[in-house]
Amino acid sequence: MRLDLWTSAFCAPCAAARRVAGEAAALVPGLAVRERDVAADPDGAEAVGIRSTPTIIVRREDGTEVFRSPGVPSRDQLLVAVAKAL
């Protein structure tokens, strides 16, 4: 499963989202976290409908989106979403 973390350079909440994603990755073996900057990949951000940063998207192995959080989810919310992706 994969967690995509969309961020931007001047986003204060992005640091909190990065921390929550890191905590989830430390607790869940096999969870791949990929941070993507909207300024560095505007076409990719548009393609997946990113409207604000941070945005976290959790996907199953086949790419199916199971969770999307614009803003910073709690660690527990994120862990539940990751469990749904299994």
N, C-alpha and C. Protein backbone atom coordinates (compact mmCIF):
# COMPACT_ATOMS: atom_id res chain seq x y z
N MET A 1 0.83 -1.17 0.00
CA MET A 1 0.00 0.00 0.00
C MET A 1 0.88 1.23 0.00
N ARG A 2 0.27 2.35 -0.38
CA ARG A 2 1.05 3.57 -0.56
C ARG A 2 0.33 4.76 0.04
N LEU A 3 1.10 5.64 0.63
CA LEU A 3 0.58 6.88 1.16
C LEU A 3 1.26 8.01 0.41
N ASP A 4 0.47 8.82 -0.29
CA ASP A 4 1.00 9.99 -0.97
C ASP A 4 0.71 11.21 -0.12
N LEU A 5 1.74 11.96 0.19
CA LEU A 5 1.63 13.18 0.98
C LEU A 5 1.95 14.35 0.07
N TRP A 6 0.93 15.14 -0.28
CA TRP A 6 1.11 16.31 -1.13
C TRP A 6 1.36 17.51 -0.25
N THR A 7 2.47 18.20 -0.50
CA THR A 7 2.86 19.34 0.33
C THR A 7 3.23 20.53 -0.56
N SER A 8 3.53 21.64 0.11
CA SER A 8 4.07 22.81 -0.56
C SER A 8 5.08 23.47 0.37
N ALA A 9 5.97 24.24 -0.20
CA ALA A 9 7.10 24.79 0.55
C ALA A 9 6.69 25.71 1.69
N PHE A 10 5.63 26.45 1.53
CA PHE A 10 5.27 27.44 2.54
C PHE A 10 4.06 27.02 3.37
N CYS A 11 3.89 25.74 3.53
CA CYS A 11 2.72 25.17 4.22
C CYS A 11 3.11 24.77 5.65
N ALA A 12 2.65 25.53 6.63
CA ALA A 12 2.97 25.20 8.02
C ALA A 12 2.35 23.87 8.46
N PRO A 13 1.09 23.56 8.12
CA PRO A 13 0.52 22.28 8.53
C PRO A 13 1.18 21.07 7.87
N CYS A 14 1.93 21.29 6.80
CA CYS A 14 2.59 20.17 6.13
C CYS A 14 3.58 19.45 7.05
N ALA A 15 4.21 20.19 7.94
CA ALA A 15 5.14 19.56 8.89
C ALA A 15 4.40 18.59 9.80
N ALA A 16 3.20 18.97 10.24
CA ALA A 16 2.40 18.08 11.10
C ALA A 16 1.95 16.85 10.31
N ALA A 17 1.56 17.05 9.06
CA ALA A 17 1.15 15.92 8.22
C ALA A 17 2.32 14.97 7.97
N ARG A 18 3.49 15.54 7.77
CA ARG A 18 4.71 14.75 7.58
C ARG A 18 4.98 13.90 8.82
N ARG A 19 4.79 14.49 10.00
CA ARG A 19 5.01 13.76 11.26
C ARG A 19 4.03 12.61 11.40
N VAL A 20 2.74 12.87 11.13
CA VAL A 20 1.71 11.82 11.24
C VAL A 20 1.99 10.70 10.24
N ALA A 21 2.35 11.05 9.02
CA ALA A 21 2.67 10.03 8.02
C ALA A 21 3.87 9.20 8.45
N GLY A 22 4.86 9.85 9.03
CA GLY A 22 6.04 9.13 9.52
C GLY A 22 5.70 8.18 10.66
N GLU A 23 4.82 8.61 11.55
CA GLU A 23 4.39 7.74 12.66
C GLU A 23 3.67 6.51 12.11
N ALA A 24 2.80 6.71 11.13
CA ALA A 24 2.08 5.58 10.53
C ALA A 24 3.06 4.63 9.86
N ALA A 25 4.03 5.18 9.13
CA ALA A 25 5.01 4.33 8.44
C ALA A 25 5.85 3.53 9.44
N ALA A 26 6.13 4.12 10.59
CA ALA A 26 6.92 3.40 11.60
C ALA A 26 6.12 2.25 12.22
N LEU A 27 4.80 2.38 12.23
CA LEU A 27 3.95 1.36 12.86
C LEU A 27 3.46 0.29 11.89
N VAL A 28 3.47 0.57 10.59
CA VAL A 28 2.90 -0.35 9.61
C VAL A 28 3.97 -0.82 8.63
N PRO A 29 4.41 -2.07 8.77
CA PRO A 29 5.40 -2.59 7.84
C PRO A 29 4.85 -2.58 6.41
N GLY A 30 5.68 -2.18 5.49
CA GLY A 30 5.28 -2.20 4.09
C GLY A 30 4.55 -0.95 3.61
N LEU A 31 4.30 0.00 4.50
CA LEU A 31 3.65 1.24 4.09
C LEU A 31 4.69 2.15 3.45
N ALA A 32 4.51 2.41 2.16
CA ALA A 32 5.42 3.29 1.44
C ALA A 32 4.87 4.71 1.46
N VAL A 33 5.65 5.65 1.98
CA VAL A 33 5.25 7.05 2.02
C VAL A 33 6.02 7.79 0.94
N ARG A 34 5.25 8.50 0.11
CA ARG A 34 5.87 9.28 -0.96
C ARG A 34 5.40 10.72 -0.82
N GLU A 35 6.34 11.62 -0.51
CA GLU A 35 5.99 13.03 -0.42
C GLU A 35 6.16 13.68 -1.78
N ARG A 36 5.16 14.45 -2.17
CA ARG A 36 5.19 15.12 -3.47
C ARG A 36 4.86 16.59 -3.27
N ASP A 37 5.65 17.44 -3.89
CA ASP A 37 5.46 18.88 -3.79
C ASP A 37 4.59 19.34 -4.96
N VAL A 38 3.52 20.08 -4.66
CA VAL A 38 2.61 20.51 -5.73
C VAL A 38 3.29 21.45 -6.73
N ALA A 39 4.26 22.23 -6.27
CA ALA A 39 4.97 23.13 -7.18
C ALA A 39 5.90 22.36 -8.11
N ALA A 40 6.45 21.26 -7.63
CA ALA A 40 7.36 20.46 -8.45
C ALA A 40 6.60 19.55 -9.41
N ASP A 41 5.35 19.23 -9.09
CA ASP A 41 4.55 18.34 -9.93
C ASP A 41 3.12 18.87 -10.07
N PRO A 42 2.94 20.04 -10.68
CA PRO A 42 1.59 20.61 -10.78
C PRO A 42 0.64 19.75 -11.62
N ASP A 43 1.15 19.11 -12.66
CA ASP A 43 0.30 18.26 -13.49
C ASP A 43 -0.19 17.04 -12.71
N GLY A 44 0.71 16.44 -11.93
CA GLY A 44 0.32 15.30 -11.10
C GLY A 44 -0.69 15.70 -10.04
N ALA A 45 -0.48 16.86 -9.43
CA ALA A 45 -1.42 17.35 -8.41
C ALA A 45 -2.79 17.59 -9.02
N GLU A 46 -2.82 18.18 -10.19
CA GLU A 46 -4.09 18.42 -10.85
C GLU A 46 -4.77 17.12 -11.25
N ALA A 47 -3.99 16.16 -11.70
CA ALA A 47 -4.54 14.88 -12.15
C ALA A 47 -5.26 14.13 -11.03
N VAL A 48 -4.79 14.29 -9.80
CA VAL A 48 -5.43 13.59 -8.68
C VAL A 48 -6.32 14.50 -7.85
N GLY A 49 -6.52 15.73 -8.32
CA GLY A 49 -7.48 16.62 -7.68
C GLY A 49 -7.02 17.27 -6.40
N ILE A 50 -5.73 17.57 -6.29
CA ILE A 50 -5.23 18.23 -5.10
C ILE A 50 -5.65 19.70 -5.15
N ARG A 51 -6.36 20.15 -4.11
CA ARG A 51 -6.84 21.53 -4.04
C ARG A 51 -6.22 22.31 -2.89
N SER A 52 -5.61 21.59 -1.95
CA SER A 52 -4.97 22.26 -0.81
C SER A 52 -3.86 21.36 -0.27
N THR A 53 -2.95 21.99 0.45
CA THR A 53 -1.87 21.23 1.09
C THR A 53 -1.94 21.47 2.59
N PRO A 54 -1.63 20.45 3.36
CA PRO A 54 -1.29 19.10 2.92
C PRO A 54 -2.54 18.31 2.53
N THR A 55 -2.34 17.34 1.68
CA THR A 55 -3.36 16.34 1.38
C THR A 55 -2.69 14.98 1.42
N ILE A 56 -3.31 14.07 2.14
CA ILE A 56 -2.81 12.69 2.24
C ILE A 56 -3.78 11.78 1.51
N ILE A 57 -3.24 10.92 0.64
CA ILE A 57 -4.04 9.93 -0.07
C ILE A 57 -3.45 8.56 0.22
N VAL A 58 -4.29 7.63 0.66
CA VAL A 58 -3.86 6.26 0.90
C VAL A 58 -4.45 5.40 -0.21
N ARG A 59 -3.58 4.58 -0.82
CA ARG A 59 -3.99 3.71 -1.93
C ARG A 59 -3.63 2.26 -1.63
N ARG A 60 -4.48 1.37 -2.15
CA ARG A 60 -4.16 -0.06 -2.11
C ARG A 60 -3.04 -0.33 -3.09
N GLU A 61 -2.54 -1.55 -3.07
CA GLU A 61 -1.47 -1.96 -3.99
C GLU A 61 -1.86 -1.76 -5.45
N ASP A 62 -3.16 -1.94 -5.76
CA ASP A 62 -3.61 -1.80 -7.15
C ASP A 62 -3.86 -0.34 -7.55
N GLY A 63 -3.61 0.59 -6.63
CA GLY A 63 -3.78 2.01 -6.93
C GLY A 63 -5.12 2.59 -6.53
N THR A 64 -6.04 1.76 -6.06
CA THR A 64 -7.35 2.23 -5.66
C THR A 64 -7.24 3.13 -4.43
N GLU A 65 -7.82 4.32 -4.52
CA GLU A 65 -7.81 5.25 -3.40
C GLU A 65 -8.82 4.79 -2.35
N VAL A 66 -8.37 4.70 -1.08
CA VAL A 66 -9.27 4.31 0.00
C VAL A 66 -9.45 5.41 1.04
N PHE A 67 -8.63 6.45 0.97
CA PHE A 67 -8.71 7.53 1.96
C PHE A 67 -8.08 8.78 1.38
N ARG A 68 -8.71 9.91 1.67
CA ARG A 68 -8.15 11.21 1.28
C ARG A 68 -8.43 12.17 2.42
N SER A 69 -7.39 12.89 2.83
CA SER A 69 -7.54 13.87 3.88
C SER A 69 -6.87 15.18 3.48
N PRO A 70 -7.69 16.17 3.08
CA PRO A 70 -7.11 17.50 2.96
C PRO A 70 -6.93 18.02 4.39
N GLY A 71 -5.75 18.46 4.71
CA GLY A 71 -5.47 18.84 6.10
C GLY A 71 -4.72 17.72 6.79
N VAL A 72 -4.64 17.82 8.09
CA VAL A 72 -3.84 16.88 8.87
C VAL A 72 -4.75 15.92 9.63
N PRO A 73 -4.76 14.64 9.25
CA PRO A 73 -5.56 13.68 10.02
C PRO A 73 -4.83 13.33 11.32
N SER A 74 -5.57 12.78 12.25
CA SER A 74 -4.90 12.26 13.45
C SER A 74 -4.18 10.97 13.07
N ARG A 75 -3.26 10.57 13.90
CA ARG A 75 -2.55 9.30 13.65
C ARG A 75 -3.54 8.15 13.60
N ASP A 76 -4.53 8.15 14.51
CA ASP A 76 -5.50 7.07 14.54
C ASP A 76 -6.37 7.04 13.29
N GLN A 77 -6.79 8.21 12.80
CA GLN A 77 -7.56 8.24 11.55
C GLN A 77 -6.74 7.65 10.40
N LEU A 78 -5.48 8.00 10.37
CA LEU A 78 -4.62 7.51 9.30
C LEU A 78 -4.40 6.01 9.41
N LEU A 79 -4.23 5.51 10.61
CA LEU A 79 -4.03 4.08 10.80
C LEU A 79 -5.28 3.28 10.39
N VAL A 80 -6.47 3.80 10.67
CA VAL A 80 -7.69 3.14 10.24
C VAL A 80 -7.76 3.10 8.71
N ALA A 81 -7.37 4.20 8.09
CA ALA A 81 -7.37 4.26 6.62
C ALA A 81 -6.38 3.25 6.03
N VAL A 82 -5.22 3.14 6.65
CA VAL A 82 -4.22 2.19 6.18
C VAL A 82 -4.74 0.76 6.34
N ALA A 83 -5.43 0.50 7.44
CA ALA A 83 -6.01 -0.84 7.64
C ALA A 83 -7.01 -1.17 6.54
N LYS A 84 -7.77 -0.18 6.08
CA LYS A 84 -8.73 -0.40 4.99
C LYS A 84 -8.03 -0.73 3.68
N ALA A 85 -6.80 -0.28 3.55
CA ALA A 85 -6.05 -0.51 2.31
C ALA A 85 -5.45 -1.92 2.27
N LEU A 86 -5.42 -2.60 3.38
CA LEU A 86 -4.83 -3.94 3.42
C LEU A 86 -5.69 -4.96 2.72
